[in-house]
C-alpha cells in the first residue's frame, strides 16, 4: 500500500511540475541521500555486531533503512524516465 501511495504522490508531483508549481527534483540530490542511507545501513550493521542485546531495535532500524534505500532508488529511476510515462510502484 505504501508503494502505491508513493507512486500517486510522484504522479501529483509531475502534474505540479508540468504546471510550473513545483521545483524539479535533482537526481544528484537523490543520489546524495542514497549515499547517506547506505552509510547509515553499514553503521547499523556494525552496531548490531557490537550490541547484540539490542537486536530487535537495531534490526527494525536496518529494515527501515533498507526500505528507504529501495524507495530512493525507485525515485531516482522514475526521475530518469519521461515525466509522461506511466508510474509503476516499486516491486516488493
PDB file of N, CA and C in Angstrom:
ATOM      1  N   UNK A   1       0.823  -1.194   0.000  1.00  0.00           N
ATOM      2  CA  UNK A   1       0.000   0.000   0.000  1.00  0.00           C
ATOM      3  C   UNK A   1       0.867   1.259   0.000  1.00  0.00           C
ATOM      4  N   UNK A   2       1.933   1.241   0.760  1.00  0.00           N
ATOM      5  CA  UNK A   2       2.791   2.424   0.844  1.00  0.00           C
ATOM      6  C   UNK A   2       3.397   2.757  -0.506  1.00  0.00           C
ATOM      7  N   UNK A   3       3.698   1.723  -1.298  1.00  0.00           N
ATOM      8  CA  UNK A   3       4.312   1.966  -2.598  1.00  0.00           C
ATOM      9  C   UNK A   3       3.320   2.571  -3.584  1.00  0.00           C
ATOM     10  N   UNK A   4       2.056   2.160  -3.506  1.00  0.00           N
ATOM     11  CA  UNK A   4       1.056   2.769  -4.378  1.00  0.00           C
ATOM     12  C   UNK A   4       0.896   4.251  -4.023  1.00  0.00           C
ATOM     13  N   UNK A   5       0.930   4.551  -2.727  1.00  0.00           N
ATOM     14  CA  UNK A   5       0.823   5.936  -2.285  1.00  0.00           C
ATOM     15  C   UNK A   5       2.026   6.744  -2.768  1.00  0.00           C
ATOM     16  N   UNK A   6       3.193   6.122  -2.743  1.00  0.00           N
ATOM     17  CA  UNK A   6       4.404   6.781  -3.228  1.00  0.00           C
ATOM     18  C   UNK A   6       4.284   7.103  -4.712  1.00  0.00           C
ATOM     19  N   UNK A   7       3.789   6.149  -5.490  1.00  0.00           N
ATOM     20  CA  UNK A   7       3.604   6.376  -6.925  1.00  0.00           C
ATOM     21  C   UNK A   7       2.565   7.467  -7.167  1.00  0.00           C
ATOM     22  N   UNK A   8       1.519   7.481  -6.364  1.00  0.00           N
ATOM     23  CA  UNK A   8       0.480   8.511  -6.504  1.00  0.00           C
ATOM     24  C   UNK A   8       1.046   9.901  -6.193  1.00  0.00           C
ATOM     25  N   UNK A   9       1.834   9.985  -5.140  1.00  0.00           N
ATOM     26  CA  UNK A   9       2.436  11.273  -4.771  1.00  0.00           C
ATOM     27  C   UNK A   9       3.398  11.760  -5.847  1.00  0.00           C
ATOM     28  N   UNK A  10       4.150  10.831  -6.444  1.00  0.00           N
ATOM     29  CA  UNK A  10       5.065  11.223  -7.509  1.00  0.00           C
ATOM     30  C   UNK A  10       4.290  11.681  -8.740  1.00  0.00           C
ATOM     31  N   UNK A  11       3.171  11.030  -9.015  1.00  0.00           N
ATOM     32  CA  UNK A  11       2.316  11.469 -10.122  1.00  0.00           C
ATOM     33  C   UNK A  11       1.793  12.876  -9.893  1.00  0.00           C
ATOM     34  N   UNK A  12       1.388  13.163  -8.656  1.00  0.00           N
ATOM     35  CA  UNK A  12       0.940  14.515  -8.322  1.00  0.00           C
ATOM     36  C   UNK A  12       2.080  15.526  -8.494  1.00  0.00           C
ATOM     37  N   UNK A  13       3.295  15.114  -8.100  1.00  0.00           N
ATOM     38  CA  UNK A  13       4.461  15.984  -8.255  1.00  0.00           C
ATOM     39  C   UNK A  13       4.692  16.311  -9.726  1.00  0.00           C
ATOM     40  N   UNK A  14       4.641  15.274 -10.595  1.00  0.00           N
ATOM     41  CA  UNK A  14       4.853  15.510 -12.023  1.00  0.00           C
ATOM     42  C   UNK A  14       3.773  16.439 -12.588  1.00  0.00           C
ATOM     43  N   UNK A  15       2.540  16.324 -12.089  1.00  0.00           N
ATOM     44  CA  UNK A  15       1.475  17.215 -12.547  1.00  0.00           C
ATOM     45  C   UNK A  15       1.771  18.655 -12.129  1.00  0.00           C
ATOM     46  N   UNK A  16       2.189  18.846 -10.868  1.00  0.00           N
ATOM     47  CA  UNK A  16       2.544  20.201 -10.404  1.00  0.00           C
ATOM     48  C   UNK A  16       3.743  20.736 -11.171  1.00  0.00           C
ATOM     49  N   UNK A  17       4.706  19.866 -11.452  1.00  0.00           N
ATOM     50  CA  UNK A  17       5.896  20.267 -12.201  1.00  0.00           C
ATOM     51  C   UNK A  17       5.507  20.721 -13.601  1.00  0.00           C
ATOM     52  N   UNK A  18       4.590  20.009 -14.229  1.00  0.00           N
ATOM     53  CA  UNK A  18       4.138  20.375 -15.572  1.00  0.00           C
ATOM     54  C   UNK A  18       3.430  21.716 -15.602  1.00  0.00           C
ATOM     55  N   UNK A  19       2.791  22.080 -14.496  1.00  0.00           N
ATOM     56  CA  UNK A  19       2.086  23.365 -14.410  1.00  0.00           C
ATOM     57  C   UNK A  19       3.000  24.480 -13.908  1.00  0.00           C
ATOM     58  N   UNK A  20       4.245  24.129 -13.590  1.00  0.00           N
ATOM     59  CA  UNK A  20       5.186  25.137 -13.113  1.00  0.00           C
ATOM     60  C   UNK A  20       5.007  25.489 -11.649  1.00  0.00           C
ATOM     61  N   UNK A  21       4.338  24.633 -10.894  1.00  0.00           N
ATOM     62  CA  UNK A  21       4.069  24.912  -9.483  1.00  0.00           C
ATOM     63  C   UNK A  21       4.974  24.118  -8.544  1.00  0.00           C
ATOM     64  N   UNK A  22       6.007  23.472  -9.083  1.00  0.00           N
ATOM     65  CA  UNK A  22       6.936  22.700  -8.247  1.00  0.00           C
ATOM     66  C   UNK A  22       8.343  22.842  -8.808  1.00  0.00           C
ATOM     67  N   UNK A  23       9.303  22.705  -7.920  1.00  0.00           N
ATOM     68  CA  UNK A  23      10.709  22.720  -8.343  1.00  0.00           C
ATOM     69  C   UNK A  23      11.103  21.310  -8.759  1.00  0.00           C
ATOM     70  N   UNK A  24      11.952  21.216  -9.749  1.00  0.00           N
ATOM     71  CA  UNK A  24      12.398  19.922 -10.242  1.00  0.00           C
ATOM     72  C   UNK A  24      13.320  19.260  -9.222  1.00  0.00           C
ATOM     73  N   UNK A  25      13.071  17.987  -8.950  1.00  0.00           N
ATOM     74  CA  UNK A  25      13.935  17.213  -8.062  1.00  0.00           C
ATOM     75  C   UNK A  25      15.185  16.848  -8.849  1.00  0.00           C
ATOM     76  N   UNK A  26      16.331  17.160  -8.302  1.00  0.00           N
ATOM     77  CA  UNK A  26      17.590  16.878  -8.986  1.00  0.00           C
ATOM     78  C   UNK A  26      18.045  15.464  -8.653  1.00  0.00           C
ATOM     79  N   UNK A  27      18.351  14.662  -9.681  1.00  0.00           N
ATOM     80  CA  UNK A  27      18.840  13.302  -9.415  1.00  0.00           C
ATOM     81  C   UNK A  27      20.082  13.286  -8.522  1.00  0.00           C
ATOM     82  N   UNK A  28      20.927  14.284  -8.630  1.00  0.00           N
ATOM     83  CA  UNK A  28      22.127  14.343  -7.788  1.00  0.00           C
ATOM     84  C   UNK A  28      21.758  14.435  -6.308  1.00  0.00           C
ATOM     85  N   UNK A  29      20.677  15.148  -6.000  1.00  0.00           N
ATOM     86  CA  UNK A  29      20.232  15.245  -4.610  1.00  0.00           C
ATOM     87  C   UNK A  29      19.751  13.892  -4.094  1.00  0.00           C
ATOM     88  N   UNK A  30      19.040  13.160  -4.939  1.00  0.00           N
ATOM     89  CA  UNK A  30      18.567  11.830  -4.550  1.00  0.00           C
ATOM     90  C   UNK A  30      19.759  10.900  -4.354  1.00  0.00           C
ATOM     91  N   UNK A  31      20.757  11.010  -5.209  1.00  0.00           N
ATOM     92  CA  UNK A  31      21.961  10.178  -5.075  1.00  0.00           C
ATOM     93  C   UNK A  31      22.688  10.467  -3.766  1.00  0.00           C
ATOM     94  N   UNK A  32      22.732  11.728  -3.348  1.00  0.00           N
ATOM     95  CA  UNK A  32      23.354  12.076  -2.071  1.00  0.00           C
ATOM     96  C   UNK A  32      22.621  11.412  -0.917  1.00  0.00           C
ATOM     97  N   UNK A  33      21.299  11.408  -0.988  1.00  0.00           N
ATOM     98  CA  UNK A  33      20.503  10.781   0.061  1.00  0.00           C
ATOM     99  C   UNK A  33      20.763   9.272   0.094  1.00  0.00           C
ATOM    100  N   UNK A  34      20.865   8.657  -1.077  1.00  0.00           N
ATOM    101  CA  UNK A  34      21.141   7.223  -1.140  1.00  0.00           C
ATOM    102  C   UNK A  34      22.487   6.905  -0.490  1.00  0.00           C
ATOM    103  N   UNK A  35      23.497   7.723  -0.756  1.00  0.00           N
ATOM    104  CA  UNK A  35      24.819   7.514  -0.152  1.00  0.00           C
ATOM    105  C   UNK A  35      24.714   7.599   1.371  1.00  0.00           C
ATOM    106  N   UNK A  36      23.989   8.583   1.881  1.00  0.00           N
ATOM    107  CA  UNK A  36      23.829   8.732   3.327  1.00  0.00           C
ATOM    108  C   UNK A  36      23.068   7.552   3.926  1.00  0.00           C
ATOM    109  N   UNK A  37      22.037   7.092   3.231  1.00  0.00           N
ATOM    110  CA  UNK A  37      21.266   5.951   3.736  1.00  0.00           C
ATOM    111  C   UNK A  37      22.105   4.674   3.757  1.00  0.00           C
ATOM    112  N   UNK A  38      22.918   4.481   2.738  1.00  0.00           N
ATOM    113  CA  UNK A  38      23.782   3.294   2.718  1.00  0.00           C
ATOM    114  C   UNK A  38      24.818   3.346   3.840  1.00  0.00           C
ATOM    115  N   UNK A  39      25.363   4.534   4.102  1.00  0.00           N
ATOM    116  CA  UNK A  39      26.320   4.686   5.202  1.00  0.00           C
ATOM    117  C   UNK A  39      25.641   4.398   6.536  1.00  0.00           C
ATOM    118  N   UNK A  40      24.424   4.854   6.685  1.00  0.00           N
ATOM    119  CA  UNK A  40      23.658   4.586   7.918  1.00  0.00           C
ATOM    120  C   UNK A  40      23.395   3.087   8.062  1.00  0.00           C
ATOM    121  N   UNK A  41      23.088   2.434   6.955  1.00  0.00           N
ATOM    122  CA  UNK A  41      22.846   0.985   6.977  1.00  0.00           C
ATOM    123  C   UNK A  41      24.091   0.242   7.451  1.00  0.00           C
ATOM    124  N   UNK A  42      25.240   0.615   6.915  1.00  0.00           N
ATOM    125  CA  UNK A  42      26.504  -0.018   7.323  1.00  0.00           C
ATOM    126  C   UNK A  42      26.762   0.218   8.807  1.00  0.00           C
ATOM    127  N   UNK A  43      26.519   1.434   9.272  1.00  0.00           N
ATOM    128  CA  UNK A  43      26.735   1.751  10.682  1.00  0.00           C
ATOM    129  C   UNK A  43      25.807   0.923  11.578  1.00  0.00           C
ATOM    130  N   UNK A  44      24.579   0.727  11.147  1.00  0.00           N
ATOM    131  CA  UNK A  44      23.636  -0.065  11.937  1.00  0.00           C
ATOM    132  C   UNK A  44      24.045  -1.534  11.994  1.00  0.00           C
ATOM    133  N   UNK A  45      24.554  -2.059  10.882  1.00  0.00           N
ATOM    134  CA  UNK A  45      25.014  -3.456  10.878  1.00  0.00           C
ATOM    135  C   UNK A  45      26.193  -3.616  11.834  1.00  0.00           C
ATOM    136  N   UNK A  46      27.089  -2.650  11.834  1.00  0.00           N
ATOM    137  CA  UNK A  46      28.225  -2.692  12.762  1.00  0.00           C
ATOM    138  C   UNK A  46      27.749  -2.587  14.204  1.00  0.00           C
ATOM    139  N   UNK A  47      26.776  -1.728  14.449  1.00  0.00           N
ATOM    140  CA  UNK A  47      26.233  -1.574  15.797  1.00  0.00           C
ATOM    141  C   UNK A  47      25.572  -2.872  16.255  1.00  0.00           C
ATOM    142  N   UNK A  48      24.938  -3.564  15.338  1.00  0.00           N
ATOM    143  CA  UNK A  48      24.288  -4.836  15.673  1.00  0.00           C
ATOM    144  C   UNK A  48      25.309  -5.860  16.160  1.00  0.00           C
ATOM    145  N   UNK A  49      26.487  -5.884  15.537  1.00  0.00           N
ATOM    146  CA  UNK A  49      27.515  -6.834  15.978  1.00  0.00           C
ATOM    147  C   UNK A  49      28.108  -6.431  17.321  1.00  0.00           C
ATOM    148  N   UNK A  50      28.121  -5.137  17.627  1.00  0.00           N
ATOM    149  CA  UNK A  50      28.689  -4.660  18.886  1.00  0.00           C
ATOM    150  C   UNK A  50      27.704  -4.741  20.044  1.00  0.00           C
ATOM    151  N   UNK A  51      26.415  -4.637  19.757  1.00  0.00           N
ATOM    152  CA  UNK A  51      25.388  -4.635  20.805  1.00  0.00           C
ATOM    153  C   UNK A  51      24.317  -5.685  20.497  1.00  0.00           C
ATOM    154  N   UNK A  52      24.639  -6.947  20.637  1.00  0.00           N
ATOM    155  CA  UNK A  52      23.653  -7.981  20.308  1.00  0.00           C
ATOM    156  C   UNK A  52      22.431  -7.960  21.228  1.00  0.00           C
ATOM    157  N   UNK A  53      22.551  -7.364  22.408  1.00  0.00           N
ATOM    158  CA  UNK A  53      21.409  -7.301  23.328  1.00  0.00           C
ATOM    159  C   UNK A  53      20.296  -6.382  22.806  1.00  0.00           C
ATOM    160  N   UNK A  54      20.619  -5.490  21.876  1.00  0.00           N
ATOM    161  CA  UNK A  54      19.627  -4.587  21.296  1.00  0.00           C
ATOM    162  C   UNK A  54      19.229  -5.042  19.889  1.00  0.00           C
ATOM    163  N   UNK A  55      19.214  -6.339  19.698  1.00  0.00           N
ATOM    164  CA  UNK A  55      18.968  -6.948  18.392  1.00  0.00           C
ATOM    165  C   UNK A  55      17.655  -6.489  17.760  1.00  0.00           C
ATOM    166  N   UNK A  56      16.568  -6.519  18.508  1.00  0.00           N
ATOM    167  CA  UNK A  56      15.252  -6.192  17.939  1.00  0.00           C
ATOM    168  C   UNK A  56      15.185  -4.743  17.476  1.00  0.00           C
ATOM    169  N   UNK A  57      15.676  -3.841  18.286  1.00  0.00           N
ATOM    170  CA  UNK A  57      15.623  -2.411  17.954  1.00  0.00           C
ATOM    171  C   UNK A  57      16.480  -2.105  16.730  1.00  0.00           C
ATOM    172  N   UNK A  58      17.682  -2.625  16.710  1.00  0.00           N
ATOM    173  CA  UNK A  58      18.599  -2.337  15.601  1.00  0.00           C
ATOM    174  C   UNK A  58      18.123  -3.009  14.317  1.00  0.00           C
ATOM    175  N   UNK A  59      17.582  -4.209  14.425  1.00  0.00           N
ATOM    176  CA  UNK A  59      17.064  -4.901  13.249  1.00  0.00           C
ATOM    177  C   UNK A  59      15.916  -4.119  12.626  1.00  0.00           C
ATOM    178  N   UNK A  60      15.065  -3.533  13.448  1.00  0.00           N
ATOM    179  CA  UNK A  60      13.965  -2.713  12.934  1.00  0.00           C
ATOM    180  C   UNK A  60      14.510  -1.488  12.198  1.00  0.00           C
ATOM    181  N   UNK A  61      15.562  -0.886  12.741  1.00  0.00           N
ATOM    182  CA  UNK A  61      16.172   0.270  12.078  1.00  0.00           C
ATOM    183  C   UNK A  61      16.829  -0.124  10.757  1.00  0.00           C
ATOM    184  N   UNK A  62      17.451  -1.290  10.729  1.00  0.00           N
ATOM    185  CA  UNK A  62      18.068  -1.769   9.488  1.00  0.00           C
ATOM    186  C   UNK A  62      17.002  -1.996   8.430  1.00  0.00           C
ATOM    187  N   UNK A  63      15.898  -2.589   8.833  1.00  0.00           N
ATOM    188  CA  UNK A  63      14.795  -2.832   7.897  1.00  0.00           C
ATOM    189  C   UNK A  63      14.250  -1.520   7.339  1.00  0.00           C
ATOM    190  N   UNK A  64      14.095  -0.524   8.203  1.00  0.00           N
ATOM    191  CA  UNK A  64      13.608   0.782   7.757  1.00  0.00           C
ATOM    192  C   UNK A  64      14.601   1.434   6.788  1.00  0.00           C
ATOM    193  N   UNK A  65      15.880   1.311   7.073  1.00  0.00           N
ATOM    194  CA  UNK A  65      16.903   1.889   6.188  1.00  0.00           C
ATOM    195  C   UNK A  65      16.875   1.207   4.828  1.00  0.00           C
ATOM    196  N   UNK A  66      16.717  -0.107   4.808  1.00  0.00           N
ATOM    197  CA  UNK A  66      16.648  -0.827   3.537  1.00  0.00           C
ATOM    198  C   UNK A  66      15.425  -0.406   2.730  1.00  0.00           C
ATOM    199  N   UNK A  67      14.298  -0.198   3.407  1.00  0.00           N
ATOM    200  CA  UNK A  67      13.087   0.256   2.718  1.00  0.00           C
ATOM    201  C   UNK A  67      13.295   1.650   2.124  1.00  0.00           C
ATOM    202  N   UNK A  68      13.917   2.536   2.885  1.00  0.00           N
ATOM    203  CA  UNK A  68      14.171   3.893   2.394  1.00  0.00           C
ATOM    204  C   UNK A  68      15.139   3.892   1.212  1.00  0.00           C
ATOM    205  N   UNK A  69      16.139   3.029   1.255  1.00  0.00           N
ATOM    206  CA  UNK A  69      17.078   2.918   0.137  1.00  0.00           C
ATOM    207  C   UNK A  69      16.337   2.463  -1.110  1.00  0.00           C
ATOM    208  N   UNK A  70      15.474   1.477  -0.958  1.00  0.00           N
ATOM    209  CA  UNK A  70      14.682   0.991  -2.089  1.00  0.00           C
ATOM    210  C   UNK A  70      13.793   2.067  -2.680  1.00  0.00           C
ATOM    211  N   UNK A  71      13.162   2.834  -1.820  1.00  0.00           N
ATOM    212  CA  UNK A  71      12.302   3.924  -2.294  1.00  0.00           C
ATOM    213  C   UNK A  71      13.101   5.003  -3.005  1.00  0.00           C
ATOM    214  N   UNK A  72      14.263   5.338  -2.459  1.00  0.00           N
ATOM    215  CA  UNK A  72      15.102   6.370  -3.080  1.00  0.00           C
ATOM    216  C   UNK A  72      15.615   5.916  -4.443  1.00  0.00           C
ATOM    217  N   UNK A  73      15.993   4.638  -4.540  1.00  0.00           N
ATOM    218  CA  UNK A  73      16.453   4.123  -5.830  1.00  0.00           C
ATOM    219  C   UNK A  73      15.310   4.111  -6.842  1.00  0.00           C
ATOM    220  N   UNK A  74      14.115   3.771  -6.383  1.00  0.00           N
ATOM    221  CA  UNK A  74      12.941   3.794  -7.263  1.00  0.00           C
ATOM    222  C   UNK A  74      12.685   5.228  -7.752  1.00  0.00           C
ATOM    223  N   UNK A  75      12.757   6.190  -6.829  1.00  0.00           N
ATOM    224  CA  UNK A  75      12.546   7.588  -7.196  1.00  0.00           C
ATOM    225  C   UNK A  75      13.572   8.030  -8.229  1.00  0.00           C
ATOM    226  N   UNK A  76      14.811   7.654  -8.032  1.00  0.00           N
ATOM    227  CA  UNK A  76      15.864   8.009  -8.979  1.00  0.00           C
ATOM    228  C   UNK A  76      15.564   7.433 -10.359  1.00  0.00           C
ATOM    229  N   UNK A  77      15.103   6.201 -10.413  1.00  0.00           N
ATOM    230  CA  UNK A  77      14.761   5.580 -11.700  1.00  0.00           C
ATOM    231  C   UNK A  77      13.576   6.280 -12.345  1.00  0.00           C
ATOM    232  N   UNK A  78      12.588   6.693 -11.553  1.00  0.00           N
ATOM    233  CA  UNK A  78      11.423   7.375 -12.092  1.00  0.00           C
ATOM    234  C   UNK A  78      11.787   8.760 -12.624  1.00  0.00           C
ATOM    235  N   UNK A  79      12.725   9.426 -11.956  1.00  0.00           N
ATOM    236  CA  UNK A  79      13.151  10.752 -12.415  1.00  0.00           C
ATOM    237  C   UNK A  79      13.903  10.658 -13.736  1.00  0.00           C
ATOM    238  N   UNK A  80      14.539   9.518 -13.974  1.00  0.00           N
ATOM    239  CA  UNK A  80      15.284   9.333 -15.218  1.00  0.00           C
ATOM    240  C   UNK A  80      14.347   9.095 -16.400  1.00  0.00           C
ATOM    241  N   UNK A  81      13.114   8.672 -16.112  1.00  0.00           N
ATOM    242  CA  UNK A  81      12.139   8.418 -17.171  1.00  0.00           C
ATOM    243  C   UNK A  81      11.518   9.719 -17.646  1.00  0.00           C
ATOM    244  N   UNK A  82      10.751   9.601 -18.707  1.00  0.00           N
ATOM    245  CA  UNK A  82       9.952  10.716 -19.195  1.00  0.00           C
ATOM    246  C   UNK A  82       8.857  10.997 -18.168  1.00  0.00           C
ATOM    247  N   UNK A  83       8.593  12.252 -17.882  1.00  0.00           N
ATOM    248  CA  UNK A  83       7.585  12.621 -16.891  1.00  0.00           C
ATOM    249  C   UNK A  83       6.193  12.165 -17.296  1.00  0.00           C
ATOM    250  N   UNK A  84       5.948  11.924 -18.567  1.00  0.00           N
ATOM    251  CA  UNK A  84       4.634  11.488 -19.022  1.00  0.00           C
ATOM    252  C   UNK A  84       4.487   9.976 -19.028  1.00  0.00           C
ATOM    253  N   UNK A  85       5.557   9.247 -18.748  1.00  0.00           N
ATOM    254  CA  UNK A  85       5.488   7.784 -18.733  1.00  0.00           C
ATOM    255  C   UNK A  85       4.663   7.339 -17.526  1.00  0.00           C
ATOM    256  N   UNK A  86       3.947   6.223 -17.645  1.00  0.00           N
ATOM    257  CA  UNK A  86       3.155   5.745 -16.510  1.00  0.00           C
ATOM    258  C   UNK A  86       4.063   5.337 -15.355  1.00  0.00           C
ATOM    259  N   UNK A  87       3.622   5.633 -14.151  1.00  0.00           N
ATOM    260  CA  UNK A  87       4.394   5.304 -12.975  1.00  0.00           C
ATOM    261  C   UNK A  87       4.111   3.873 -12.555  1.00  0.00           C
ATOM    262  N   UNK A  88       5.137   3.186 -12.150  1.00  0.00           N
ATOM    263  CA  UNK A  88       4.989   1.829 -11.658  1.00  0.00           C
ATOM    264  C   UNK A  88       5.471   1.784 -10.218  1.00  0.00           C
ATOM    265  N   UNK A  89       4.620   1.330  -9.282  1.00  0.00           N
ATOM    266  CA  UNK A  89       5.085   1.219  -7.899  1.00  0.00           C
ATOM    267  C   UNK A  89       6.244   0.236  -7.808  1.00  0.00           C
ATOM    268  N   UNK A  90       7.132   0.432  -6.845  1.00  0.00           N
ATOM    269  CA  UNK A  90       8.247  -0.493  -6.695  1.00  0.00           C
ATOM    270  C   UNK A  90       7.740  -1.895  -6.359  1.00  0.00           C
ATOM    271  N   UNK A  91       8.456  -2.881  -6.809  1.00  0.00           N
ATOM    272  CA  UNK A  91       8.081  -4.271  -6.539  1.00  0.00           C
ATOM    273  C   UNK A  91       8.577  -4.654  -5.153  1.00  0.00           C
ATOM    274  N   UNK A  92       7.722  -5.294  -4.373  1.00  0.00           N
ATOM    275  CA  UNK A  92       8.103  -5.730  -3.021  1.00  0.00           C
ATOM    276  C   UNK A  92       8.910  -6.978  -3.060  1.00  0.00           C
TER     277      UNK A  92
END
